[in-house]
């Protein structure tokens, strides 16, 4: 299917943006720029920093498409990130201007669109849902659905509207979805990093044709980075900026580059375009034309109402939209939904059959310990999803789509009910098969503790995911923490035998409180006093109350343990929100 190359006849927003860089230079540490860079910025500027951009001066005009080209490592992506407001301007020397005034990065991120080279899409959503949820967050109201349908037609995605982003569509179509997500709010400028990377020549030309049509019809400033464009793409480019080792070697139309090459005595082969020839021959920096002064008076219009640090939706609306999106993602993720449900039911039936006839004290206590080991360690399957979401949340919140707090609330609103369903599916068969206290309140409390244990582990995992730079580090950290919680819970090593320097882990253990709650629920109260656990000579020598006293739980209340576990759930989620909020702020 041919991609439409005509943009809409009119633009809803009148504001146009002229972007300029004047003598921009940028350095970053040799080891910086990775996932851990946000946590060690205090080292910025010390030994080991290296220049990425040197004295870059360029203009990017509304209604035109500008291509920043150059070899790998030339600084193209860094320059584009600076233009998009994704790099803190305090770390940049020189000036970055929008319509003749210093860029307000937070404001400009809201009125512009930025498409990184790596797609940041949720693979479980359909093409239409990806555009629709983005429109709900960036526009709100009834206009969102209309805008999503308009973009489906404009981007030529009608025929794959119901296909999931992660499967069933081509690379070019997925790239168009990424562009569409950044176009829903009708940005006055759009910046794209390698939009043609990994695409066949026909798809690459279609993408650039679409961007050119939008630049013309809506007077957008469009800036793209391209590694080495071919003839057909160059015909669609208005201005070319050549970067080599962070320096501008040429800026202006391709015809100007060709004329300069000929004037310098170079003979360009017929089968090679002027840009390829210039890049392959490592030409010196020519005498560049001076950057013209801003014509901001020609561009001044009414202030763009989107250019204000006010969120489109209220907190509740954001939570509802994000909750709907996350629920769809979880429901379609087999490892999170179907597998979790089947795993819980199978584990309940399996453990129930194993411990069905094991009614002695040692076996019953072992059942409680093994149950918690299973419940706490079976939540790590959500870590890859948390890590993928973190990247998307950082990008979307930096563009003003929603608040980090709204995501944290939506995450809890989706995962906690899912874990409650899993807890009931586990508790219902195992409680009655094992033959625990045959009282309804005992079963309900047992199910509550199972849910709180699973929720606490899930909350801990969300906190680890907010901190960890990768899946390997995150899974190792989660396994290490759970291992410590098991070891110092008091089950394997008595509290009195734990070294003083490690006693704090005992009180932070996610294993300790649900384990004690299980024991108190089973052996406490009036029922425990009537329960004989050990007989000698026909006389009861150990009842439930005596056993709890031996375990240091005499007079302990089960609801106190449940309250502590609820505190862990809330505490870890608040901590995860705080870390994610700081991380999103440090991203830009």
Protein backbone atom coordinates (compact mmCIF):
# COMPACT_ATOMS: atom_id res chain seq x y z
CA UNK A 1 0.00 0.00 0.00
CA UNK A 2 1.34 3.42 -0.94
CA UNK A 3 1.88 5.85 1.88
CA UNK A 4 -0.03 9.15 1.49
CA UNK A 5 2.36 12.05 1.06
CA UNK A 6 -0.14 14.88 1.36
CA UNK A 7 -0.47 16.55 4.72
CA UNK A 8 -3.63 18.18 5.96
CA UNK A 9 -4.66 21.32 4.17
CA UNK A 10 -4.62 23.48 7.27
CA UNK A 11 -2.94 23.50 10.64
CA UNK A 12 -4.81 23.85 13.86
CA UNK A 13 -1.95 25.76 15.50
CA UNK A 14 -0.49 28.93 14.00
CA UNK A 15 2.72 29.09 16.00
CA UNK A 16 5.81 28.33 13.94
CA UNK A 17 9.23 27.60 15.38
CA UNK A 18 12.62 28.70 14.11
CA UNK A 19 15.31 26.76 15.97
CA UNK A 20 18.90 27.99 16.06
CA UNK A 21 22.18 26.91 17.55
CA UNK A 22 24.95 29.46 17.95
CA UNK A 23 28.47 28.28 18.74
CA UNK A 24 27.13 25.23 20.57
CA UNK A 25 29.74 22.92 22.08
CA UNK A 26 29.16 19.92 24.28
CA UNK A 27 31.36 17.54 26.28
CA UNK A 28 30.46 14.39 28.09
CA UNK A 29 32.48 11.92 30.20
CA UNK A 30 34.08 9.07 28.31
CA UNK A 31 32.14 6.62 30.47
CA UNK A 32 28.92 8.66 30.57
CA UNK A 33 25.74 8.52 28.60
CA UNK A 34 24.71 5.07 29.77
CA UNK A 35 21.98 3.86 32.09
CA UNK A 36 23.96 4.77 35.20
CA UNK A 37 24.87 8.26 34.02
CA UNK A 38 21.93 9.80 35.89
CA UNK A 39 23.30 8.53 39.19
CA UNK A 40 26.84 9.87 38.81
CA UNK A 41 26.44 13.31 37.31
CA UNK A 42 28.47 14.83 40.12
CA UNK A 43 31.49 13.50 38.21
CA UNK A 44 30.53 15.60 35.17
CA UNK A 45 33.29 17.75 33.81
CA UNK A 46 36.13 15.95 35.57
CA UNK A 47 39.00 14.08 33.96
CA UNK A 48 37.97 11.83 31.10
CA UNK A 49 35.37 14.12 29.52
CA UNK A 50 35.54 14.33 25.75
CA UNK A 51 34.15 16.81 23.22
CA UNK A 52 31.10 15.67 21.23
CA UNK A 53 30.15 18.93 19.49
CA UNK A 54 32.42 21.85 18.63
CA UNK A 55 31.14 25.33 17.80
CA UNK A 56 27.99 24.21 15.96
CA UNK A 57 25.96 27.06 14.43
CA UNK A 58 22.88 26.26 12.33
CA UNK A 59 19.28 27.33 11.67
CA UNK A 60 16.30 25.02 11.25
CA UNK A 61 13.44 26.79 9.51
CA UNK A 62 9.69 26.18 9.76
CA UNK A 63 8.23 24.63 6.63
CA UNK A 64 11.52 22.93 5.75
CA UNK A 65 13.07 19.55 6.38
CA UNK A 66 16.71 19.63 7.46
CA UNK A 67 18.91 16.54 7.42
CA UNK A 68 21.88 16.25 9.79
CA UNK A 69 24.25 13.76 8.21
CA UNK A 70 27.66 12.42 9.05
CA UNK A 71 29.59 9.26 9.90
CA UNK A 72 28.97 7.26 13.06
CA UNK A 73 30.17 9.10 16.14
CA UNK A 74 29.95 12.51 14.49
CA UNK A 75 27.55 13.85 17.13
CA UNK A 76 24.30 13.74 15.14
CA UNK A 77 22.19 12.17 17.89
CA UNK A 78 23.67 14.47 20.53
CA UNK A 79 22.88 17.55 18.44
CA UNK A 80 19.32 16.34 17.87
CA UNK A 81 18.88 15.67 21.61
CA UNK A 82 20.02 19.22 22.37
CA UNK A 83 17.60 20.64 19.80
CA UNK A 84 14.78 18.58 21.34
CA UNK A 85 15.52 19.88 24.83
CA UNK A 86 16.52 16.43 26.06
CA UNK A 87 19.99 17.53 27.22
CA UNK A 88 20.19 19.98 30.16
CA UNK A 89 21.21 23.29 28.62
CA UNK A 90 23.43 24.09 31.59
CA UNK A 91 25.78 21.42 30.24
CA UNK A 92 25.87 23.03 26.81
CA UNK A 93 28.05 26.00 25.93
CA UNK A 94 26.75 28.43 23.34
CA UNK A 95 23.15 29.36 22.62
CA UNK A 96 20.07 27.36 21.64
CA UNK A 97 17.32 29.72 20.48
CA UNK A 98 13.67 29.25 19.58
CA UNK A 99 12.17 32.14 17.65
CA UNK A 100 15.10 34.29 18.65
CA UNK A 101 14.79 33.66 22.40
CA UNK A 102 16.73 31.24 24.63
CA UNK A 103 15.06 27.85 24.62
CA UNK A 104 12.91 26.96 27.60
CA UNK A 105 13.54 23.21 27.36
CA UNK A 106 10.59 22.16 29.54
CA UNK A 107 8.18 24.22 27.45
CA UNK A 108 9.68 23.28 24.11
CA UNK A 109 9.46 19.57 24.88
CA UNK A 110 5.69 20.00 25.24
CA UNK A 111 5.12 21.76 21.92
CA UNK A 112 7.56 19.72 19.84
CA UNK A 113 7.84 16.07 18.89
CA UNK A 114 10.95 13.93 19.38
CA UNK A 115 11.29 10.44 17.90
CA UNK A 116 14.45 8.61 19.09
CA UNK A 117 16.07 5.94 16.98
CA UNK A 118 14.90 3.16 19.29
CA UNK A 119 11.13 2.68 19.25
CA UNK A 120 9.51 3.29 22.64
CA UNK A 121 6.23 1.52 22.02
CA UNK A 122 4.29 -1.04 24.03
CA UNK A 123 4.32 -4.18 21.85
CA UNK A 124 1.08 -5.54 23.32
CA UNK A 125 -1.00 -2.57 22.11
CA UNK A 126 -2.48 -2.36 18.63
CA UNK A 127 -1.52 0.41 16.23
CA UNK A 128 -4.80 2.20 16.84
CA UNK A 129 -4.53 1.85 20.62
CA UNK A 130 -0.99 3.25 20.60
CA UNK A 131 -2.19 6.41 18.84
CA UNK A 132 -5.41 6.59 20.82
CA UNK A 133 -3.83 6.36 24.28
CA UNK A 134 -1.20 8.92 23.27
CA UNK A 135 -3.96 11.25 22.07
CA UNK A 136 -5.94 10.78 25.30
CA UNK A 137 -2.86 11.76 27.31
CA UNK A 138 -1.71 14.68 25.13
CA UNK A 139 -5.08 16.10 24.04
CA UNK A 140 -7.84 14.69 26.24
CA UNK A 141 -11.56 14.93 25.55
CA UNK A 142 -13.44 13.94 22.43
CA UNK A 143 -10.74 15.37 20.16
CA UNK A 144 -8.43 12.46 21.01
CA UNK A 145 -10.35 9.78 19.10
CA UNK A 146 -10.78 12.04 16.05
CA UNK A 147 -7.07 12.88 16.04
CA UNK A 148 -6.09 9.19 16.29
CA UNK A 149 -8.31 8.28 13.32
CA UNK A 150 -6.93 11.24 11.36
CA UNK A 151 -3.36 10.07 11.95
CA UNK A 152 -4.22 6.51 10.93
CA UNK A 153 -5.34 7.84 7.56
CA UNK A 154 -2.55 10.38 7.24
CA UNK A 155 0.17 7.84 8.04
CA UNK A 156 -1.34 5.12 5.87
CA UNK A 157 -1.92 2.79 8.80
CA UNK A 158 -5.64 2.07 8.36
CA UNK A 159 -5.04 -1.47 7.13
CA UNK A 160 -2.99 -2.42 10.23
CA UNK A 161 -5.01 -0.48 12.81
CA UNK A 162 -5.98 -3.66 14.68
CA UNK A 163 -2.53 -5.31 14.53
CA UNK A 164 -0.28 -5.36 17.55
CA UNK A 165 2.80 -3.16 17.40
CA UNK A 166 5.11 -5.97 18.51
CA UNK A 167 4.00 -8.38 15.81
CA UNK A 168 2.14 -8.30 12.54
CA UNK A 169 3.47 -5.00 11.18
CA UNK A 170 6.61 -4.15 9.24
CA UNK A 171 9.54 -2.05 10.40
CA UNK A 172 8.38 0.88 8.29
CA UNK A 173 4.88 0.69 9.74
CA UNK A 174 6.25 0.52 13.27
CA UNK A 175 8.37 3.58 12.52
CA UNK A 176 5.26 5.43 11.32
CA UNK A 177 3.50 4.52 14.57
CA UNK A 178 6.40 6.05 16.54
CA UNK A 179 6.10 9.21 14.46
CA UNK A 180 2.33 9.27 14.89
CA UNK A 181 2.62 9.04 18.68
CA UNK A 182 4.68 12.25 18.59
CA UNK A 183 2.30 13.97 16.17
CA UNK A 184 -0.94 13.59 18.11
CA UNK A 185 -0.64 17.01 19.77
CA UNK A 186 0.18 18.76 16.46
CA UNK A 187 3.73 19.84 17.38
CA UNK A 188 5.19 22.91 15.73
CA UNK A 189 8.53 21.13 15.30
CA UNK A 190 9.44 17.47 15.05
CA UNK A 191 12.90 15.96 15.44
CA UNK A 192 13.65 12.40 14.39
CA UNK A 193 16.79 10.35 15.01
CA UNK A 194 17.55 8.02 12.08
CA UNK A 195 13.91 7.63 10.96
CA UNK A 196 15.03 5.55 7.95
CA UNK A 197 17.37 3.23 9.88
CA UNK A 198 16.70 -0.44 9.16
CA UNK A 199 14.12 0.29 6.46
CA UNK A 200 14.18 -0.68 2.81
CA UNK A 201 14.64 2.13 0.30
CA UNK A 202 10.93 2.37 -0.58
CA UNK A 203 9.85 2.64 3.08
CA UNK A 204 12.60 5.17 3.79
CA UNK A 205 11.46 7.38 0.90
CA UNK A 206 7.84 7.13 2.08
CA UNK A 207 8.78 8.27 5.58
CA UNK A 208 10.75 11.28 4.33
CA UNK A 209 8.00 12.12 1.81
CA UNK A 210 5.45 12.18 4.61
CA UNK A 211 7.65 14.41 6.76
CA UNK A 212 8.22 16.80 3.86
CA UNK A 213 4.47 17.01 3.20
CA UNK A 214 3.83 17.79 6.88
CA UNK A 215 6.57 20.41 6.95
CA UNK A 216 5.04 22.16 3.95
CA UNK A 217 1.35 21.88 4.91
CA UNK A 218 1.68 22.66 8.62
CA UNK A 219 4.79 24.90 8.54
CA UNK A 220 6.64 22.53 10.85
CA UNK A 221 10.37 22.68 11.41
CA UNK A 222 11.46 19.09 10.69
CA UNK A 223 14.97 17.92 11.59
CA UNK A 224 16.15 14.39 10.88
CA UNK A 225 19.46 12.62 11.32
CA UNK A 226 20.44 10.34 8.46
CA UNK A 227 23.61 8.28 8.25
CA UNK A 228 24.01 8.34 4.46
CA UNK A 229 20.90 9.22 2.43
CA UNK A 230 20.45 8.10 -1.16
CA UNK A 231 19.50 10.11 -4.24
CA UNK A 232 15.72 9.80 -3.79
CA UNK A 233 15.83 10.95 -0.17
CA UNK A 234 18.15 13.85 -0.94
CA UNK A 235 15.65 15.16 -3.47
CA UNK A 236 13.19 15.63 -0.61
CA UNK A 237 15.62 17.43 1.73
CA UNK A 238 15.67 21.23 1.86
CA UNK A 239 18.81 21.79 3.95
CA UNK A 240 21.79 19.58 4.75
CA UNK A 241 24.09 19.88 7.77
CA UNK A 242 27.25 17.76 7.53
CA UNK A 243 28.84 16.89 10.88
CA UNK A 244 32.30 15.36 11.09
CA UNK A 245 33.88 14.76 14.51
CA UNK A 246 31.39 17.19 16.06
CA UNK A 247 32.18 20.03 13.64
CA UNK A 248 29.96 21.47 10.90
CA UNK A 249 31.60 20.95 7.51
CA UNK A 250 28.65 22.23 5.49
CA UNK A 251 25.22 23.75 6.01
CA UNK A 252 22.76 24.72 3.33
CA UNK A 253 21.06 23.19 0.28
CA UNK A 254 22.62 20.25 -1.53
CA UNK A 255 23.11 22.44 -4.61
CA UNK A 256 25.35 24.74 -2.58
CA UNK A 257 27.47 21.76 -1.48
CA UNK A 258 27.85 20.59 -5.07
CA UNK A 259 28.84 24.08 -6.23
CA UNK A 260 31.45 24.39 -3.47
CA UNK A 261 32.95 21.03 -4.38
CA UNK A 262 33.28 22.02 -8.02
CA UNK A 263 34.72 25.41 -7.12
CA UNK A 264 37.33 23.62 -4.99
CA UNK A 265 38.37 21.58 -8.03
CA UNK A 266 36.70 18.28 -7.17
CA UNK A 267 35.21 16.09 -9.88
CA UNK A 268 32.13 14.21 -8.66
CA UNK A 269 31.51 10.86 -10.42
CA UNK A 270 28.13 10.52 -12.10
CA UNK A 271 27.08 7.56 -9.95
CA UNK A 272 27.88 9.37 -6.66
CA UNK A 273 25.93 12.29 -5.23
CA UNK A 274 27.67 15.33 -3.82
CA UNK A 275 26.92 14.39 -0.22
CA UNK A 276 28.39 10.89 -0.49
CA UNK A 277 31.47 12.31 -2.20
CA UNK A 278 31.97 14.93 0.51
CA UNK A 279 31.66 12.38 3.32
CA UNK A 280 33.90 9.79 1.68
CA UNK A 281 36.73 12.24 0.98
CA UNK A 282 36.97 13.80 4.47
CA UNK A 283 37.02 17.32 3.16
CA UNK A 284 38.14 20.23 5.38
CA UNK A 285 35.70 22.75 6.79
CA UNK A 286 34.92 25.31 4.14
CA UNK A 287 34.28 28.98 4.82
CA UNK A 288 30.72 28.61 6.02
CA UNK A 289 28.10 31.21 5.30
CA UNK A 290 27.30 33.17 8.48
CA UNK A 291 24.16 32.15 10.31
CA UNK A 292 21.53 34.74 9.59
CA UNK A 293 20.01 36.66 12.45
CA UNK A 294 16.68 35.43 13.78
CA UNK A 295 13.61 36.65 12.01
CA UNK A 296 11.50 36.22 15.10
CA UNK A 297 9.39 39.24 14.31
CA UNK A 298 8.14 37.41 11.22
CA UNK A 299 7.31 34.34 13.26
CA UNK A 300 5.63 35.91 16.24
CA UNK A 301 2.06 34.72 16.54
CA UNK A 302 -0.32 34.22 19.39
CA UNK A 303 1.25 32.18 22.13
CA UNK A 304 0.75 28.48 21.65
CA UNK A 305 -1.64 27.49 24.48
CA UNK A 306 0.17 24.17 24.78
CA UNK A 307 3.38 25.97 25.72
CA UNK A 308 2.46 26.16 29.39
CA UNK A 309 3.56 23.86 32.18
CA UNK A 310 0.00 22.71 32.80
CA UNK A 311 -1.00 19.09 32.25
CA UNK A 312 -3.77 18.44 29.75
CA UNK A 313 -5.64 16.08 32.07
CA UNK A 314 -6.30 16.03 35.78
CA UNK A 315 -4.80 13.37 38.05
CA UNK A 316 -7.86 11.14 37.99
CA UNK A 317 -8.14 11.24 34.20
CA UNK A 318 -4.45 10.40 33.83
CA UNK A 319 -4.76 7.47 36.23
CA UNK A 320 -7.77 6.12 34.34
CA UNK A 321 -6.09 6.38 30.93
CA UNK A 322 -2.80 4.93 32.13
CA UNK A 323 -4.63 2.23 34.05
CA UNK A 324 -6.55 1.22 30.92
CA UNK A 325 -3.36 1.10 28.89
CA UNK A 326 -1.47 -0.87 31.51
CA UNK A 327 -4.39 -3.29 32.00
CA UNK A 328 -4.42 -4.02 28.26
CA UNK A 329 -0.65 -4.57 28.34
CA UNK A 330 -0.81 -6.92 31.32
CA UNK A 331 -3.82 -8.83 29.97
CA UNK A 332 -1.98 -9.55 26.72
CA UNK A 333 1.33 -10.45 28.38
CA UNK A 334 1.26 -14.21 28.90
CA UNK A 335 4.07 -14.09 31.44
CA UNK A 336 2.12 -11.61 33.57
CA UNK A 337 -1.50 -12.67 33.25
CA UNK A 338 -2.21 -16.17 31.96
CA UNK A 339 0.97 -17.68 33.38
CA UNK A 340 0.46 -16.01 36.76
CA UNK A 341 -3.13 -17.23 37.03
CA UNK A 342 -2.30 -20.79 35.94
CA UNK A 343 0.79 -20.86 38.14
CA UNK A 344 -1.15 -19.80 41.23
CA UNK A 345 -3.91 -22.35 40.73
CA UNK A 346 -1.48 -25.16 39.87
CA UNK A 347 0.72 -24.37 42.86
CA UNK A 348 -2.30 -24.33 45.19
CA UNK A 349 -3.48 -27.71 43.96
CA UNK A 350 0.01 -29.18 43.86
CA UNK A 351 1.10 -28.07 47.34
CA UNK A 352 -2.30 -29.03 48.71
CA UNK A 353 -1.89 -32.58 47.41
CA UNK A 354 1.66 -32.82 48.80
CA UNK A 355 0.77 -31.64 52.33
CA UNK A 356 -2.73 -33.13 52.41
CA UNK A 357 -1.90 -35.84 54.97
CA UNK A 358 1.01 -34.10 56.66
CA UNK A 359 -0.75 -32.83 59.80
CA UNK A 360 2.18 -32.96 62.24
CA UNK A 361 3.68 -29.70 63.50
CA UNK A 362 6.95 -29.89 61.61
CA UNK A 363 5.24 -30.54 58.27
CA UNK A 364 2.69 -27.78 58.86
CA UNK A 365 5.40 -25.20 59.68
CA UNK A 366 7.40 -26.39 56.66
CA UNK A 367 4.31 -25.85 54.51
CA UNK A 368 4.06 -22.22 55.67
CA UNK A 369 7.76 -21.62 54.98
CA UNK A 370 7.67 -23.22 51.53
CA UNK A 371 4.50 -21.33 50.61
CA UNK A 372 6.17 -18.02 51.35
CA UNK A 373 9.28 -19.03 49.46
CA UNK A 374 7.12 -19.71 46.42
CA UNK A 375 4.95 -16.59 46.82
CA UNK A 376 7.83 -14.17 47.25
CA UNK A 377 10.06 -15.61 44.54
CA UNK A 378 7.36 -16.00 41.87
CA UNK A 379 6.93 -12.27 41.22
CA UNK A 380 10.19 -11.58 39.38
CA UNK A 381 8.60 -12.33 35.99
CA UNK A 382 7.29 -8.74 35.96
CA UNK A 383 10.80 -7.22 35.99
CA UNK A 384 11.26 -7.02 32.17
CA UNK A 385 7.87 -5.29 31.85
CA UNK A 386 8.75 -2.81 34.61
CA UNK A 387 12.07 -1.99 32.94
CA UNK A 388 10.45 -1.44 29.53
CA UNK A 389 7.74 0.74 31.07
CA UNK A 390 10.34 2.82 32.90
CA UNK A 391 11.91 3.93 29.65
CA UNK A 392 8.53 4.84 28.18
CA UNK A 393 7.47 6.69 31.34
CA UNK A 394 10.70 8.74 31.31
CA UNK A 395 10.10 9.76 27.68
CA UNK A 396 6.40 10.53 28.05
CA UNK A 397 6.66 12.48 31.29
CA UNK A 398 9.53 14.54 29.90
CA UNK A 399 7.20 15.56 27.04
CA UNK A 400 4.49 16.61 29.53
CA UNK A 401 2.07 13.78 28.70
CA UNK A 402 1.31 13.00 32.35
CA UNK A 403 2.72 13.04 35.88
CA UNK A 404 4.93 10.33 37.33
CA UNK A 405 2.58 10.10 40.32
CA UNK A 406 -0.30 9.23 37.99
CA UNK A 407 1.70 6.34 36.57
CA UNK A 408 2.58 5.10 40.08
CA UNK A 409 -1.10 5.11 41.10
CA UNK A 410 -2.19 3.42 37.86
CA UNK A 411 0.47 0.75 38.29
CA UNK A 412 -0.79 -0.05 41.80
CA UNK A 413 -4.42 0.02 40.64
CA UNK A 414 -3.69 -2.61 37.97
CA UNK A 415 -1.23 -4.93 39.69
CA UNK A 416 -2.84 -5.17 43.14
CA UNK A 417 -6.18 -6.56 41.86
CA UNK A 418 -4.30 -8.98 39.61
CA UNK A 419 -2.31 -10.22 42.59
CA UNK A 420 -5.51 -10.49 44.64
CA UNK A 421 -7.01 -12.80 42.00
CA UNK A 422 -3.81 -14.88 41.98
CA UNK A 423 -3.80 -15.03 45.80
CA UNK A 424 -7.39 -16.31 45.94
CA UNK A 425 -6.68 -18.93 43.28
CA UNK A 426 -3.72 -20.15 45.32
CA UNK A 427 -5.31 -19.93 48.75
CA UNK A 428 -8.68 -21.51 47.96
CA UNK A 429 -7.47 -25.03 47.13
CA UNK A 430 -4.36 -25.18 49.29
CA UNK A 431 -6.01 -24.01 52.52
CA UNK A 432 -8.70 -26.66 52.54
CA UNK A 433 -6.59 -29.47 51.06
CA UNK A 434 -3.86 -29.06 53.67
CA UNK A 435 -6.53 -29.02 56.39
CA UNK A 436 -5.79 -25.74 58.09
CA UNK A 437 -8.24 -24.24 60.61
CA UNK A 438 -11.68 -24.95 59.24
CA UNK A 439 -13.08 -21.53 59.96
CA UNK A 440 -14.07 -18.91 57.42
CA UNK A 441 -12.26 -16.07 59.14
CA UNK A 442 -9.10 -18.21 59.22
CA UNK A 443 -9.31 -18.80 55.48
CA UNK A 444 -10.00 -15.15 54.69
CA UNK A 445 -7.04 -14.02 56.80
CA UNK A 446 -4.82 -16.65 55.18
CA UNK A 447 -5.83 -15.36 51.72
CA UNK A 448 -5.18 -11.78 52.87
CA UNK A 449 -1.67 -12.65 54.02
CA UNK A 450 -0.97 -14.45 50.74
CA UNK A 451 -2.10 -11.34 48.84
CA UNK A 452 -0.05 -8.98 51.00
CA UNK A 453 3.04 -11.17 50.61
CA UNK A 454 2.67 -11.18 46.82
CA UNK A 455 1.92 -7.43 46.78
CA UNK A 456 4.95 -6.66 48.97
CA UNK A 457 7.25 -8.66 46.67
CA UNK A 458 5.75 -6.96 43.61
CA UNK A 459 6.23 -3.53 45.21
CA UNK A 460 9.84 -4.39 46.06
CA UNK A 461 10.35 -5.45 42.46
CA UNK A 462 8.96 -2.13 41.17
CA UNK A 463 11.45 -0.36 43.42
CA UNK A 464 14.34 -2.50 42.12
CA UNK A 465 13.21 -1.87 38.54
CA UNK A 466 13.23 1.89 39.14
CA UNK A 467 16.84 1.67 40.34
CA UNK A 468 18.40 -1.09 38.22
CA UNK A 469 20.17 -0.18 34.95
CA UNK A 470 19.39 -3.51 33.27
CA UNK A 471 17.48 -6.78 33.63
CA UNK A 472 20.61 -8.70 34.68
CA UNK A 473 21.41 -6.25 37.48
CA UNK A 474 17.77 -6.01 38.52
CA UNK A 475 17.18 -9.76 38.67
CA UNK A 476 20.43 -10.26 40.60
CA UNK A 477 19.51 -7.53 43.08
CA UNK A 478 15.99 -8.93 43.57
CA UNK A 479 17.33 -12.45 44.10
CA UNK A 480 19.92 -11.17 46.58
CA UNK A 481 17.39 -9.19 48.60
CA UNK A 482 14.91 -12.07 48.77
CA UNK A 483 17.72 -14.41 49.76
CA UNK A 484 18.66 -12.12 52.65
CA UNK A 485 15.03 -11.86 53.71
CA UNK A 486 14.74 -15.66 53.80
CA UNK A 487 18.02 -16.12 55.66
CA UNK A 488 17.40 -13.55 58.40
CA UNK A 489 13.66 -14.13 58.82
CA UNK A 490 14.12 -16.13 62.00
CA UNK A 491 13.14 -19.46 60.43
CA UNK A 492 16.62 -20.60 59.37
CA UNK A 493 18.57 -18.71 62.04
CA UNK A 494 17.00 -17.86 65.39
CA UNK A 495 16.69 -14.17 66.07
CA UNK A 496 19.01 -14.47 69.09
CA UNK A 497 21.74 -15.99 66.88
CA UNK A 498 21.70 -13.28 64.21
CA UNK A 499 24.81 -11.05 64.45
CA UNK A 500 24.02 -7.56 65.71
CA UNK A 501 25.19 -5.92 62.49
CA UNK A 502 22.61 -7.95 60.55
CA UNK A 503 19.65 -7.70 62.90
CA UNK A 504 18.13 -4.84 60.90
CA UNK A 505 17.58 -7.25 57.99
CA UNK A 506 15.47 -9.42 60.32
CA UNK A 507 13.05 -6.55 60.92
CA UNK A 508 12.98 -5.60 57.21
CA UNK A 509 12.39 -9.18 56.08
CA UNK A 510 9.37 -9.75 53.85
CA UNK A 511 9.44 -13.38 55.02
CA UNK A 512 9.24 -12.73 58.77
CA UNK A 513 5.87 -11.02 59.09
CA UNK A 514 3.71 -13.21 56.82
CA UNK A 515 5.32 -16.33 58.33
CA UNK A 516 4.44 -15.17 61.83
CA UNK A 517 0.95 -14.18 60.64
CA UNK A 518 0.41 -17.71 59.30
CA UNK A 519 1.49 -19.23 62.64
CA UNK A 520 -0.69 -16.90 64.73
CA UNK A 521 -3.67 -17.45 62.41
CA UNK A 522 -3.34 -21.22 62.73
CA UNK A 523 -2.28 -21.65 66.36
CA UNK A 524 -3.41 -18.49 68.13
CA UNK A 525 -6.57 -17.54 69.98
CA UNK A 526 -9.04 -19.79 71.73
CA UNK A 527 -8.79 -22.38 68.96
CA UNK A 528 -5.03 -22.66 69.52
CA UNK A 529 -5.46 -23.33 73.20
CA UNK A 530 -7.79 -26.22 72.37
CA UNK A 531 -5.38 -27.59 69.74
CA UNK A 532 -3.01 -30.29 70.96
CA UNK A 533 0.18 -30.41 68.93
CA UNK A 534 2.12 -32.98 70.97
CA UNK A 535 1.02 -35.71 73.35
CA UNK A 536 2.94 -37.81 75.85
CA UNK A 537 1.32 -40.59 77.77
CA UNK A 538 -2.11 -39.54 76.61
CA UNK A 539 -1.66 -36.02 77.93
CA UNK A 540 -1.24 -32.89 75.81
CA UNK A 541 2.16 -31.35 76.47
CA UNK A 542 2.20 -28.73 73.69
CA UNK A 543 -0.86 -26.79 72.53
CA UNK A 544 -1.07 -23.96 70.03
CA UNK A 545 -0.59 -21.20 72.58
CA UNK A 546 2.47 -22.93 74.07
CA UNK A 547 3.98 -23.38 70.61
CA UNK A 548 3.58 -19.65 69.84
CA UNK A 549 5.22 -18.80 73.14
CA UNK A 550 8.16 -21.05 72.26
CA UNK A 551 8.48 -19.16 68.97
CA UNK A 552 8.47 -15.80 70.75
CA UNK A 553 4.92 -14.97 69.60
CA UNK A 554 3.08 -15.16 72.91
CA UNK A 555 0.33 -12.55 72.94
CA UNK A 556 1.18 -11.49 69.36
CA UNK A 557 -1.64 -10.21 67.18
CA UNK A 558 -2.07 -11.38 63.64
CA UNK A 559 -3.49 -8.05 62.45
CA UNK A 560 -0.33 -6.27 63.61
CA UNK A 561 1.67 -8.46 61.21
CA UNK A 562 -0.81 -7.78 58.42
CA UNK A 563 -0.53 -4.04 59.09
CA UNK A 564 3.28 -4.19 58.86
CA UNK A 565 3.00 -6.01 55.53
CA UNK A 566 0.56 -3.39 54.22
CA UNK A 567 3.11 -0.80 55.31
CA UNK A 568 5.77 -2.59 53.26
CA UNK A 569 3.49 -2.52 50.22
CA UNK A 570 2.85 1.21 50.58
CA UNK A 571 6.44 2.02 51.55
CA UNK A 572 8.07 0.23 48.64
CA UNK A 573 5.62 1.78 46.19
CA UNK A 574 6.26 5.28 47.53
CA UNK A 575 10.00 4.61 47.33
CA UNK A 576 9.63 3.33 43.77
CA UNK A 577 7.70 6.48 42.86
CA UNK A 578 10.38 8.71 44.42
CA UNK A 579 13.20 6.94 42.58
CA UNK A 580 11.30 6.98 39.29
CA UNK A 581 10.46 10.67 39.75
CA UNK A 582 14.10 11.52 40.38
CA UNK A 583 15.19 9.37 37.46
CA UNK A 584 12.74 11.07 35.10
CA UNK A 585 13.97 14.48 36.25
CA UNK A 586 17.59 13.42 35.75
CA UNK A 587 16.81 12.09 32.26
CA UNK A 588 16.71 15.66 30.93
